[in-house]
Amino acid sequence: MSFAERCGLHSRERQAACEQLLRQVEASGIELIRLGWCDLHGVVRGKTIVTSQLRSALANGIGMVSTLLLKDSSDRTAFKVFEPGIEETLPGFAGASNFTLMPDPASWHVLPWTEKTGWLQCQPFTACLGASCRWIHAMCCSKP
């Protein structure tokens, strides 16, 4: 079962969009895909993958270290993820655990300023804990 299925992101519509995107990327000769997401300060962060990783990224996402989400606006780590008690303050972030970037196939763009490169917007999710996954922005920005 894919990460998208475990987290309730999988649908017939999303699957069709993923398949269409895979065909389009193959036909266009794209070689690199930039996966972009915004941190809690609105700073665009990213990771680049090769085209052969796209199918897997659409189904299972791409792992990233969670400390990228815990930076202040000057790019310094604002939370001490190795300190005792951090799990109560920031569930899912203790020990700099990974999170998963899930690409949105509907956000696909070919970048006009660089050759053979495309871009997908992603949403960051915590690892699935049982049957639930949490969208990180909603988790960090919601008030108890």
C-alpha atoms as a PDB file:
ATOM      1  CA  MET A   1       0.000   0.000   0.000  1.00  0.00           C
ATOM      2  CA  SER A   2       1.417   3.385  -0.990  1.00  0.00           C
ATOM      3  CA  PHE A   3       1.857   6.372   1.320  1.00  0.00           C
ATOM      4  CA  ALA A   4      -0.854   8.180  -0.688  1.00  0.00           C
ATOM      5  CA  GLU A   5      -3.283   5.305  -0.034  1.00  0.00           C
ATOM      6  CA  ARG A   6      -2.415   5.032   3.682  1.00  0.00           C
ATOM      7  CA  CYS A   7      -2.973   8.752   4.162  1.00  0.00           C
ATOM      8  CA  GLY A   8      -6.233   9.000   2.226  1.00  0.00           C
ATOM      9  CA  LEU A   9      -4.737  11.017  -0.634  1.00  0.00           C
ATOM     10  CA  HIS A  10      -5.259   8.357  -3.276  1.00  0.00           C
ATOM     11  CA  SER A  11      -8.290   8.663  -5.553  1.00  0.00           C
ATOM     12  CA  ARG A  12      -9.172   7.679  -9.107  1.00  0.00           C
ATOM     13  CA  GLU A  13      -8.806  11.295 -10.157  1.00  0.00           C
ATOM     14  CA  ARG A  14      -5.358  11.622  -8.582  1.00  0.00           C
ATOM     15  CA  GLN A  15      -4.248   8.315 -10.103  1.00  0.00           C
ATOM     16  CA  ALA A  16      -5.397   9.448 -13.568  1.00  0.00           C
ATOM     17  CA  ALA A  17      -3.570  12.774 -13.104  1.00  0.00           C
ATOM     18  CA  CYS A  18      -0.396  10.915 -12.040  1.00  0.00           C
ATOM     19  CA  GLU A  19      -0.527   8.617 -15.082  1.00  0.00           C
ATOM     20  CA  GLN A  20      -1.124  11.568 -17.416  1.00  0.00           C
ATOM     21  CA  LEU A  21       1.804  13.435 -15.847  1.00  0.00           C
ATOM     22  CA  LEU A  22       4.112  10.419 -16.224  1.00  0.00           C
ATOM     23  CA  ARG A  23       3.235  10.158 -19.937  1.00  0.00           C
ATOM     24  CA  GLN A  24       3.714  13.897 -20.444  1.00  0.00           C
ATOM     25  CA  VAL A  25       7.104  13.919 -18.702  1.00  0.00           C
ATOM     26  CA  GLU A  26       8.322  10.931 -20.723  1.00  0.00           C
ATOM     27  CA  ALA A  27       7.165  12.461 -24.037  1.00  0.00           C
ATOM     28  CA  SER A  28       8.701  15.873 -23.306  1.00  0.00           C
ATOM     29  CA  GLY A  29      12.224  14.717 -22.504  1.00  0.00           C
ATOM     30  CA  ILE A  30      12.218  16.214 -19.013  1.00  0.00           C
ATOM     31  CA  GLU A  31      15.232  15.009 -17.009  1.00  0.00           C
ATOM     32  CA  LEU A  32      14.915  16.795 -13.646  1.00  0.00           C
ATOM     33  CA  ILE A  33      11.918  17.561 -11.464  1.00  0.00           C
ATOM     34  CA  ARG A  34      12.076  20.138  -8.710  1.00  0.00           C
ATOM     35  CA  LEU A  35       9.783  19.408  -5.796  1.00  0.00           C
ATOM     36  CA  GLY A  36       8.875  22.649  -4.034  1.00  0.00           C
ATOM     37  CA  TRP A  37       7.083  23.393  -0.784  1.00  0.00           C
ATOM     38  CA  CYS A  38       6.763  26.390   1.534  1.00  0.00           C
ATOM     39  CA  ASP A  39       7.943  26.303   5.109  1.00  0.00           C
ATOM     40  CA  LEU A  40       5.974  27.985   7.892  1.00  0.00           C
ATOM     41  CA  HIS A  41       7.527  31.372   7.045  1.00  0.00           C
ATOM     42  CA  GLY A  42       6.594  31.158   3.370  1.00  0.00           C
ATOM     43  CA  VAL A  43      10.147  30.371   2.249  1.00  0.00           C
ATOM     44  CA  VAL A  44      10.168  28.026  -0.737  1.00  0.00           C
ATOM     45  CA  ARG A  45      12.255  24.947  -0.030  1.00  0.00           C
ATOM     46  CA  GLY A  46      12.929  22.183  -2.480  1.00  0.00           C
ATOM     47  CA  LYS A  47      14.503  18.960  -3.567  1.00  0.00           C
ATOM     48  CA  THR A  48      15.353  17.843  -7.092  1.00  0.00           C
ATOM     49  CA  ILE A  49      14.792  14.314  -8.370  1.00  0.00           C
ATOM     50  CA  VAL A  50      15.539  12.603 -11.672  1.00  0.00           C
ATOM     51  CA  THR A  51      12.620  11.604 -13.877  1.00  0.00           C
ATOM     52  CA  SER A  52      13.031   7.900 -13.094  1.00  0.00           C
ATOM     53  CA  GLN A  53      12.039   8.657  -9.455  1.00  0.00           C
ATOM     54  CA  LEU A  54       8.781  10.411 -10.361  1.00  0.00           C
ATOM     55  CA  ARG A  55       6.433   7.393 -10.238  1.00  0.00           C
ATOM     56  CA  SER A  56       7.676   6.470  -6.776  1.00  0.00           C
ATOM     57  CA  ALA A  57       7.512  10.098  -5.567  1.00  0.00           C
ATOM     58  CA  LEU A  58       3.878  10.416  -6.699  1.00  0.00           C
ATOM     59  CA  ALA A  59       2.894   7.234  -4.835  1.00  0.00           C
ATOM     60  CA  ASN A  60       5.111   7.359  -1.761  1.00  0.00           C
ATOM     61  CA  GLY A  61       6.449  10.888  -1.549  1.00  0.00           C
ATOM     62  CA  ILE A  62      10.030  11.932  -0.888  1.00  0.00           C
ATOM     63  CA  GLY A  63      11.564  11.937   2.571  1.00  0.00           C
ATOM     64  CA  MET A  64      13.056  15.093   4.068  1.00  0.00           C
ATOM     65  CA  VAL A  65      14.557  15.841   7.482  1.00  0.00           C
ATOM     66  CA  SER A  66      12.081  17.638   9.748  1.00  0.00           C
ATOM     67  CA  THR A  67      14.512  20.288  10.969  1.00  0.00           C
ATOM     68  CA  LEU A  68      13.868  22.152   7.696  1.00  0.00           C
ATOM     69  CA  LEU A  69      10.415  22.914   9.121  1.00  0.00           C
ATOM     70  CA  LEU A  70      11.790  24.121  12.432  1.00  0.00           C
ATOM     71  CA  LYS A  71      13.875  27.042  11.175  1.00  0.00           C
ATOM     72  CA  ASP A  72      13.261  30.650  12.106  1.00  0.00           C
ATOM     73  CA  SER A  73      13.171  33.327   9.408  1.00  0.00           C
ATOM     74  CA  SER A  74      16.980  33.663   9.545  1.00  0.00           C
ATOM     75  CA  ASP A  75      17.336  29.924   8.786  1.00  0.00           C
ATOM     76  CA  ARG A  76      18.477  28.934  12.267  1.00  0.00           C
ATOM     77  CA  THR A  77      16.948  25.888  13.934  1.00  0.00           C
ATOM     78  CA  ALA A  78      14.457  27.296  16.434  1.00  0.00           C
ATOM     79  CA  PHE A  79      13.536  24.089  18.271  1.00  0.00           C
ATOM     80  CA  LYS A  80      15.936  21.731  19.986  1.00  0.00           C
ATOM     81  CA  VAL A  81      14.688  18.399  18.661  1.00  0.00           C
ATOM     82  CA  PHE A  82      17.080  16.341  20.787  1.00  0.00           C
ATOM     83  CA  GLU A  83      15.989  17.857  24.120  1.00  0.00           C
ATOM     84  CA  PRO A  84      13.811  15.875  26.557  1.00  0.00           C
ATOM     85  CA  GLY A  85      10.099  16.677  26.268  1.00  0.00           C
ATOM     86  CA  ILE A  86      10.156  17.898  22.660  1.00  0.00           C
ATOM     87  CA  GLU A  87       7.707  15.132  21.657  1.00  0.00           C
ATOM     88  CA  GLU A  88       5.012  16.775  23.830  1.00  0.00           C
ATOM     89  CA  THR A  89       5.707  20.205  22.322  1.00  0.00           C
ATOM     90  CA  LEU A  90       6.144  19.073  18.710  1.00  0.00           C
ATOM     91  CA  PRO A  91       4.720  15.574  18.163  1.00  0.00           C
ATOM     92  CA  GLY A  92       6.506  13.761  15.356  1.00  0.00           C
ATOM     93  CA  PHE A  93       9.628  15.960  15.380  1.00  0.00           C
ATOM     94  CA  ALA A  94      11.708  14.414  18.191  1.00  0.00           C
ATOM     95  CA  GLY A  95      15.198  13.457  17.125  1.00  0.00           C
ATOM     96  CA  ALA A  96      14.916  15.270  13.789  1.00  0.00           C
ATOM     97  CA  SER A  97      12.642  12.603  12.344  1.00  0.00           C
ATOM     98  CA  ASN A  98      11.791  12.628   8.668  1.00  0.00           C
ATOM     99  CA  PHE A  99       8.644  13.929   7.038  1.00  0.00           C
ATOM    100  CA  THR A 100       7.244  13.139   3.606  1.00  0.00           C
ATOM    101  CA  LEU A 101       6.730  15.541   0.705  1.00  0.00           C
ATOM    102  CA  MET A 102       3.730  14.520  -1.420  1.00  0.00           C
ATOM    103  CA  PRO A 103       3.753  16.024  -4.935  1.00  0.00           C
ATOM    104  CA  ASP A 104       0.522  17.377  -6.413  1.00  0.00           C
ATOM    105  CA  PRO A 105       0.304  16.208 -10.054  1.00  0.00           C
ATOM    106  CA  ALA A 106      -2.090  19.060 -10.877  1.00  0.00           C
ATOM    107  CA  SER A 107       0.643  21.612 -10.086  1.00  0.00           C
ATOM    108  CA  TRP A 108       3.004  20.476 -12.895  1.00  0.00           C
ATOM    109  CA  HIS A 109       4.906  23.153 -14.814  1.00  0.00           C
ATOM    110  CA  VAL A 110       7.829  22.972 -17.213  1.00  0.00           C
ATOM    111  CA  LEU A 111      10.336  25.592 -16.116  1.00  0.00           C
ATOM    112  CA  PRO A 112      11.043  27.937 -19.047  1.00  0.00           C
ATOM    113  CA  TRP A 113      14.339  29.291 -17.674  1.00  0.00           C
ATOM    114  CA  THR A 114      16.188  25.974 -17.462  1.00  0.00           C
ATOM    115  CA  GLU A 115      16.420  23.046 -19.867  1.00  0.00           C
ATOM    116  CA  LYS A 116      14.583  19.757 -19.381  1.00  0.00           C
ATOM    117  CA  THR A 117      13.347  20.658 -15.902  1.00  0.00           C
ATOM    118  CA  GLY A 118       9.859  20.620 -14.430  1.00  0.00           C
ATOM    119  CA  TRP A 119       8.346  21.653 -11.096  1.00  0.00           C
ATOM    120  CA  LEU A 120       5.741  20.153  -8.758  1.00  0.00           C
ATOM    121  CA  GLN A 121       4.283  21.717  -5.637  1.00  0.00           C
ATOM    122  CA  CYS A 122       4.328  19.426  -2.596  1.00  0.00           C
ATOM    123  CA  GLN A 123       2.589  19.199   0.756  1.00  0.00           C
ATOM    124  CA  PRO A 124       4.607  18.026   3.776  1.00  0.00           C
ATOM    125  CA  PHE A 125       3.154  15.190   5.874  1.00  0.00           C
ATOM    126  CA  THR A 126       4.407  13.519   9.019  1.00  0.00           C
ATOM    127  CA  ALA A 127       5.046   9.801   8.813  1.00  0.00           C
ATOM    128  CA  CYS A 128       1.916   7.692   9.011  1.00  0.00           C
ATOM    129  CA  LEU A 129       1.179   6.763  12.583  1.00  0.00           C
ATOM    130  CA  GLY A 130      -1.136   3.815  12.297  1.00  0.00           C
ATOM    131  CA  ALA A 131      -3.820   4.837   9.852  1.00  0.00           C
ATOM    132  CA  SER A 132      -3.404   8.577  10.284  1.00  0.00           C
ATOM    133  CA  CYS A 133      -1.061  10.998   8.600  1.00  0.00           C
ATOM    134  CA  ARG A 134      -0.940  14.629   9.504  1.00  0.00           C
ATOM    135  CA  TRP A 135      -0.486  17.491   7.118  1.00  0.00           C
ATOM    136  CA  ILE A 136       2.290  19.424   8.819  1.00  0.00           C
ATOM    137  CA  HIS A 137       1.063  22.974   8.156  1.00  0.00           C
ATOM    138  CA  ALA A 138      -2.341  22.143   9.650  1.00  0.00           C
ATOM    139  CA  MET A 139      -0.704  20.448  12.628  1.00  0.00           C
ATOM    140  CA  CYS A 140       1.718  23.307  13.347  1.00  0.00           C
ATOM    141  CA  CYS A 141      -0.717  26.136  12.749  1.00  0.00           C
ATOM    142  CA  SER A 142      -3.822  24.800  14.515  1.00  0.00           C
ATOM    143  CA  LYS A 143      -4.654  25.970  18.013  1.00  0.00           C
ATOM    144  CA  PRO A 144      -5.612  23.332  20.631  1.00  0.00           C
END
